[in-house]
Each structure stands twice: as C-alpha cells, then as structure tokens.
Amino acid sequence: MSKSLRSKSLAGMVIAAMLAATPLAPAMAQNRAPQGQQASRFEFDGKTYQTRSQCLAAKKRAQKRGTIVGAVAAGAGAALLGGNLGETALVAGGGALLGRELGRNSKKC
C-alpha cells in the first residue's frame, strides 16, 4: 500500500469518526397543561419548542450546519494530509454529503 493511499484512508477514517460523534438525536416531550388539556412541546438538540414548525426550522438549520461543517472538516483534513486541489475538493464534497445524510437520518421532531 503506497504512502499517499494510506494517508488518504486514514484521513477518511478520522473524518468519519468526527462526524459520527456529533449528537443528532432529537426527542419529543409532552407535558400536560394545568387545566388537564394536552399541550405538546417539541424538543430538538436539547432545546424545547412550542410548535412543530419551530422545531422543524431548528432541525433544518442544524442540517445546513452539518453540511457546512462536514465539507470544511473533510477539506481541511485532506489539505493537511497533502492532497492536491482536486482531491481536496472531492473529499470536501464527500464530507458535505455525509454531514447532510447524518442530519437527514436523525429522528423527527
């Protein structure tokens, strides 16, 4: 195995481990209203929202951030490990796709 191939596979594993470690598990919490009516509260990423639309907007923002962070982390890792411009751009695109998929596959609000 050549040295450049080993460094690229190592970079891929490091980036995948970094992205897999990010918490993306939202939860839904319901509390009862004081009058006995059922009031819904939606929770995503440790924050509570009054409506589902607010929760979905927060989730969409988190997905966009995941895409950007994935691209930046993957691109920086490839550049630091000595990849040329084409390889770095290719790895950054892969990181963006991975970040987007991780955000898409999280639980719903």
N, C-alpha and C. Protein backbone atom coordinates (compact mmCIF):
# COMPACT_ATOMS: atom_id res chain seq x y z
N MET A 1 0.85 -1.17 0.00
CA MET A 1 0.00 0.00 0.00
C MET A 1 0.90 1.23 0.00
N SER A 2 0.66 2.17 -0.91
CA SER A 2 1.51 3.35 -1.01
C SER A 2 1.23 4.30 0.15
N LYS A 3 2.19 5.18 0.37
CA LYS A 3 2.10 6.11 1.49
C LYS A 3 0.92 7.08 1.31
N SER A 4 0.70 7.57 0.09
CA SER A 4 -0.39 8.52 -0.13
C SER A 4 -1.75 7.84 0.05
N LEU A 5 -1.86 6.57 -0.36
CA LEU A 5 -3.12 5.86 -0.20
C LEU A 5 -3.42 5.62 1.27
N ARG A 6 -2.38 5.29 2.05
CA ARG A 6 -2.58 5.09 3.49
C ARG A 6 -3.00 6.38 4.17
N SER A 7 -2.39 7.51 3.79
CA SER A 7 -2.74 8.78 4.42
C SER A 7 -4.16 9.21 4.06
N LYS A 8 -4.58 8.92 2.82
CA LYS A 8 -5.95 9.27 2.42
C LYS A 8 -6.97 8.41 3.15
N SER A 9 -6.69 7.11 3.30
CA SER A 9 -7.64 6.26 4.00
C SER A 9 -7.68 6.61 5.48
N LEU A 10 -6.55 6.99 6.06
CA LEU A 10 -6.52 7.42 7.45
C LEU A 10 -7.31 8.70 7.62
N ALA A 11 -7.17 9.63 6.68
CA ALA A 11 -7.92 10.89 6.75
C ALA A 11 -9.42 10.61 6.67
N GLY A 12 -9.81 9.70 5.81
CA GLY A 12 -11.23 9.36 5.69
C GLY A 12 -11.78 8.77 6.97
N MET A 13 -11.00 7.92 7.61
CA MET A 13 -11.45 7.31 8.86
C MET A 13 -11.57 8.34 9.97
N VAL A 14 -10.61 9.27 10.04
CA VAL A 14 -10.64 10.31 11.07
C VAL A 14 -11.85 11.21 10.89
N ILE A 15 -12.11 11.59 9.65
CA ILE A 15 -13.25 12.47 9.38
C ILE A 15 -14.56 11.76 9.67
N ALA A 16 -14.67 10.49 9.28
CA ALA A 16 -15.89 9.74 9.56
C ALA A 16 -16.11 9.60 11.07
N ALA A 17 -15.04 9.42 11.83
CA ALA A 17 -15.18 9.31 13.28
C ALA A 17 -15.63 10.63 13.90
N MET A 18 -15.11 11.75 13.37
CA MET A 18 -15.51 13.06 13.90
C MET A 18 -16.98 13.32 13.63
N LEU A 19 -17.44 13.00 12.42
CA LEU A 19 -18.83 13.24 12.08
C LEU A 19 -19.78 12.30 12.80
N ALA A 20 -19.35 11.08 13.04
CA ALA A 20 -20.21 10.11 13.72
C ALA A 20 -20.38 10.46 15.20
N ALA A 21 -19.46 11.23 15.75
CA ALA A 21 -19.50 11.54 17.17
C ALA A 21 -20.45 12.70 17.49
N THR A 22 -20.96 13.39 16.47
CA THR A 22 -21.84 14.53 16.74
C THR A 22 -23.23 14.04 17.12
N PRO A 23 -23.79 14.58 18.18
CA PRO A 23 -25.13 14.15 18.59
C PRO A 23 -26.20 14.73 17.68
N LEU A 24 -27.05 13.89 17.15
CA LEU A 24 -28.12 14.34 16.26
C LEU A 24 -29.45 13.69 16.62
N ALA A 25 -29.67 13.35 17.87
CA ALA A 25 -30.88 12.62 18.24
C ALA A 25 -31.89 13.55 18.92
N PRO A 26 -32.88 14.03 18.19
CA PRO A 26 -33.92 14.84 18.83
C PRO A 26 -34.93 13.97 19.55
N ALA A 27 -35.67 14.57 20.44
CA ALA A 27 -36.69 13.84 21.18
C ALA A 27 -37.95 14.70 21.26
N MET A 28 -39.07 14.06 21.45
CA MET A 28 -40.34 14.78 21.59
C MET A 28 -40.82 14.61 23.02
N ALA A 29 -41.13 15.71 23.66
CA ALA A 29 -41.61 15.66 25.04
C ALA A 29 -43.01 16.25 25.09
N GLN A 30 -43.87 15.64 25.86
CA GLN A 30 -45.23 16.15 26.02
C GLN A 30 -45.50 16.35 27.51
N ASN A 31 -46.07 17.50 27.81
CA ASN A 31 -46.46 17.81 29.18
C ASN A 31 -47.95 18.14 29.19
N ARG A 32 -48.56 17.96 30.34
CA ARG A 32 -49.98 18.29 30.46
C ARG A 32 -50.13 19.75 30.83
N ALA A 33 -51.15 20.36 30.25
CA ALA A 33 -51.47 21.75 30.58
C ALA A 33 -52.12 21.77 31.97
N PRO A 34 -52.09 22.91 32.66
CA PRO A 34 -52.67 22.98 34.01
C PRO A 34 -54.16 22.65 34.06
N GLN A 35 -54.93 22.91 33.01
CA GLN A 35 -56.36 22.65 33.02
C GLN A 35 -56.67 21.21 32.62
N GLY A 36 -55.70 20.37 32.48
CA GLY A 36 -55.94 18.99 32.10
C GLY A 36 -55.92 18.77 30.59
N GLN A 37 -55.71 19.82 29.82
CA GLN A 37 -55.60 19.67 28.37
C GLN A 37 -54.20 19.19 28.01
N GLN A 38 -54.12 18.52 26.88
CA GLN A 38 -52.83 18.01 26.44
C GLN A 38 -52.09 19.10 25.66
N ALA A 39 -50.96 19.55 26.17
CA ALA A 39 -50.14 20.56 25.49
C ALA A 39 -48.86 19.87 25.00
N SER A 40 -48.53 20.10 23.75
CA SER A 40 -47.34 19.46 23.17
C SER A 40 -46.16 20.41 23.23
N ARG A 41 -45.03 19.83 23.54
CA ARG A 41 -43.76 20.55 23.47
C ARG A 41 -42.84 19.69 22.64
N PHE A 42 -42.11 20.32 21.76
CA PHE A 42 -41.20 19.60 20.88
C PHE A 42 -39.78 19.93 21.26
N GLU A 43 -38.95 18.91 21.31
CA GLU A 43 -37.58 19.08 21.74
C GLU A 43 -36.64 18.59 20.64
N PHE A 44 -35.63 19.39 20.36
CA PHE A 44 -34.61 19.02 19.39
C PHE A 44 -33.30 19.61 19.85
N ASP A 45 -32.29 18.78 19.95
CA ASP A 45 -30.92 19.20 20.31
C ASP A 45 -30.88 19.90 21.66
N GLY A 46 -31.67 19.42 22.59
CA GLY A 46 -31.64 19.95 23.95
C GLY A 46 -32.45 21.22 24.16
N LYS A 47 -33.11 21.72 23.13
CA LYS A 47 -33.93 22.92 23.26
C LYS A 47 -35.39 22.54 23.05
N THR A 48 -36.28 23.25 23.75
CA THR A 48 -37.71 22.96 23.68
C THR A 48 -38.40 24.03 22.85
N TYR A 49 -39.31 23.58 21.97
CA TYR A 49 -40.06 24.49 21.10
C TYR A 49 -41.55 24.30 21.35
N GLN A 50 -42.32 25.38 21.19
CA GLN A 50 -43.76 25.33 21.43
C GLN A 50 -44.52 24.72 20.25
N THR A 51 -44.03 24.91 19.03
CA THR A 51 -44.72 24.40 17.86
C THR A 51 -43.81 23.48 17.06
N ARG A 52 -44.43 22.65 16.26
CA ARG A 52 -43.67 21.72 15.43
C ARG A 52 -42.91 22.47 14.34
N SER A 53 -43.48 23.55 13.82
CA SER A 53 -42.80 24.31 12.77
C SER A 53 -41.51 24.95 13.29
N GLN A 54 -41.50 25.42 14.54
CA GLN A 54 -40.28 25.95 15.12
C GLN A 54 -39.22 24.85 15.25
N CYS A 55 -39.67 23.67 15.64
CA CYS A 55 -38.75 22.54 15.80
C CYS A 55 -38.18 22.12 14.46
N LEU A 56 -39.02 22.06 13.42
CA LEU A 56 -38.54 21.69 12.09
C LEU A 56 -37.58 22.72 11.52
N ALA A 57 -37.83 24.01 11.80
CA ALA A 57 -36.91 25.05 11.35
C ALA A 57 -35.55 24.90 12.02
N ALA A 58 -35.55 24.58 13.30
CA ALA A 58 -34.28 24.36 14.01
C ALA A 58 -33.55 23.15 13.45
N LYS A 59 -34.30 22.10 13.11
CA LYS A 59 -33.69 20.90 12.55
C LYS A 59 -33.08 21.20 11.18
N LYS A 60 -33.78 21.99 10.38
CA LYS A 60 -33.27 22.34 9.05
C LYS A 60 -31.99 23.16 9.17
N ARG A 61 -31.94 24.09 10.13
CA ARG A 61 -30.72 24.86 10.35
C ARG A 61 -29.58 23.94 10.77
N ALA A 62 -29.88 22.95 11.60
CA ALA A 62 -28.85 22.01 12.04
C ALA A 62 -28.34 21.17 10.88
N GLN A 63 -29.22 20.78 9.95
CA GLN A 63 -28.79 20.02 8.78
C GLN A 63 -27.87 20.85 7.90
N LYS A 64 -28.20 22.13 7.72
CA LYS A 64 -27.35 23.01 6.92
C LYS A 64 -25.99 23.17 7.56
N ARG A 65 -25.97 23.33 8.87
CA ARG A 65 -24.69 23.43 9.58
C ARG A 65 -23.89 22.15 9.45
N GLY A 66 -24.56 21.00 9.51
CA GLY A 66 -23.87 19.73 9.34
C GLY A 66 -23.23 19.60 7.98
N THR A 67 -23.90 20.08 6.95
CA THR A 67 -23.35 20.05 5.60
C THR A 67 -22.10 20.90 5.52
N ILE A 68 -22.17 22.11 6.07
CA ILE A 68 -21.02 23.02 6.01
C ILE A 68 -19.86 22.49 6.84
N VAL A 69 -20.14 22.03 8.04
CA VAL A 69 -19.08 21.51 8.91
C VAL A 69 -18.44 20.27 8.29
N GLY A 70 -19.24 19.41 7.69
CA GLY A 70 -18.69 18.22 7.03
C GLY A 70 -17.76 18.58 5.90
N ALA A 71 -18.14 19.56 5.09
CA ALA A 71 -17.31 19.97 3.97
C ALA A 71 -16.02 20.61 4.45
N VAL A 72 -16.11 21.48 5.44
CA VAL A 72 -14.92 22.16 5.94
C VAL A 72 -13.96 21.18 6.62
N ALA A 73 -14.50 20.31 7.45
CA ALA A 73 -13.64 19.35 8.16
C ALA A 73 -12.96 18.39 7.18
N ALA A 74 -13.70 17.89 6.22
CA ALA A 74 -13.13 16.96 5.26
C ALA A 74 -12.10 17.66 4.37
N GLY A 75 -12.43 18.85 3.91
CA GLY A 75 -11.50 19.60 3.06
C GLY A 75 -10.22 19.97 3.80
N ALA A 76 -10.35 20.41 5.04
CA ALA A 76 -9.16 20.77 5.82
C ALA A 76 -8.31 19.53 6.10
N GLY A 77 -8.96 18.42 6.41
CA GLY A 77 -8.20 17.19 6.66
C GLY A 77 -7.45 16.73 5.42
N ALA A 78 -8.09 16.81 4.27
CA ALA A 78 -7.43 16.40 3.03
C ALA A 78 -6.28 17.34 2.69
N ALA A 79 -6.48 18.63 2.90
CA ALA A 79 -5.42 19.60 2.60
C ALA A 79 -4.24 19.42 3.54
N LEU A 80 -4.50 19.17 4.81
CA LEU A 80 -3.42 18.97 5.78
C LEU A 80 -2.63 17.70 5.51
N LEU A 81 -3.27 16.70 4.96
CA LEU A 81 -2.58 15.45 4.67
C LEU A 81 -1.92 15.44 3.29
N GLY A 82 -1.89 16.59 2.64
CA GLY A 82 -1.12 16.71 1.41
C GLY A 82 -1.87 16.42 0.13
N GLY A 83 -3.17 16.51 0.14
CA GLY A 83 -3.92 16.28 -1.09
C GLY A 83 -3.83 17.48 -2.01
N ASN A 84 -3.90 17.25 -3.32
CA ASN A 84 -3.90 18.38 -4.24
C ASN A 84 -5.29 19.00 -4.28
N LEU A 85 -5.48 20.02 -5.11
CA LEU A 85 -6.74 20.76 -5.13
C LEU A 85 -7.92 19.88 -5.52
N GLY A 86 -7.75 19.04 -6.51
CA GLY A 86 -8.85 18.17 -6.95
C GLY A 86 -9.24 17.16 -5.90
N GLU A 87 -8.26 16.54 -5.26
CA GLU A 87 -8.55 15.56 -4.21
C GLU A 87 -9.24 16.23 -3.02
N THR A 88 -8.74 17.41 -2.66
CA THR A 88 -9.31 18.13 -1.52
C THR A 88 -10.78 18.50 -1.80
N ALA A 89 -11.05 18.96 -3.02
CA ALA A 89 -12.43 19.32 -3.37
C ALA A 89 -13.33 18.08 -3.38
N LEU A 90 -12.80 16.97 -3.87
CA LEU A 90 -13.58 15.74 -3.89
C LEU A 90 -13.90 15.25 -2.48
N VAL A 91 -12.92 15.29 -1.60
CA VAL A 91 -13.12 14.86 -0.22
C VAL A 91 -14.08 15.82 0.50
N ALA A 92 -13.96 17.12 0.22
CA ALA A 92 -14.87 18.09 0.85
C ALA A 92 -16.31 17.84 0.41
N GLY A 93 -16.50 17.51 -0.86
CA GLY A 93 -17.85 17.18 -1.33
C GLY A 93 -18.40 15.95 -0.65
N GLY A 94 -17.55 14.94 -0.47
CA GLY A 94 -17.97 13.74 0.26
C GLY A 94 -18.32 14.04 1.70
N GLY A 95 -17.56 14.92 2.33
CA GLY A 95 -17.85 15.31 3.71
C GLY A 95 -19.17 16.05 3.82
N ALA A 96 -19.46 16.89 2.82
CA ALA A 96 -20.73 17.62 2.81
C ALA A 96 -21.90 16.65 2.66
N LEU A 97 -21.76 15.67 1.78
CA LEU A 97 -22.82 14.68 1.62
C LEU A 97 -23.02 13.86 2.89
N LEU A 98 -21.92 13.48 3.53
CA LEU A 98 -22.01 12.71 4.76
C LEU A 98 -22.69 13.52 5.86
N GLY A 99 -22.32 14.79 6.00
CA GLY A 99 -22.95 15.65 7.00
C GLY A 99 -24.43 15.83 6.76
N ARG A 100 -24.81 15.98 5.49
CA ARG A 100 -26.22 16.13 5.15
C ARG A 100 -27.00 14.86 5.45
N GLU A 101 -26.43 13.70 5.13
CA GLU A 101 -27.12 12.43 5.39
C GLU A 101 -27.27 12.17 6.88
N LEU A 102 -26.26 12.52 7.66
CA LEU A 102 -26.38 12.34 9.11
C LEU A 102 -27.51 13.20 9.66
N GLY A 103 -27.64 14.43 9.14
CA GLY A 103 -28.73 15.30 9.58
C GLY A 103 -30.09 14.79 9.12
N ARG A 104 -30.16 14.24 7.91
CA ARG A 104 -31.42 13.74 7.37
C ARG A 104 -31.91 12.51 8.09
N ASN A 105 -30.99 11.67 8.54
CA ASN A 105 -31.38 10.40 9.15
C ASN A 105 -31.64 10.52 10.65
N SER A 106 -31.58 11.71 11.20
CA SER A 106 -31.88 11.85 12.62
C SER A 106 -33.39 11.73 12.83
N LYS A 107 -33.78 11.52 14.06
CA LYS A 107 -35.20 11.36 14.38
C LYS A 107 -35.95 12.65 14.12
N LYS A 108 -37.26 12.54 13.94
CA LYS A 108 -38.07 13.71 13.66
C LYS A 108 -38.49 14.41 14.93
N CYS A 109 -38.87 15.69 14.77
CA CYS A 109 -39.32 16.48 15.93
C CYS A 109 -40.60 15.92 16.51
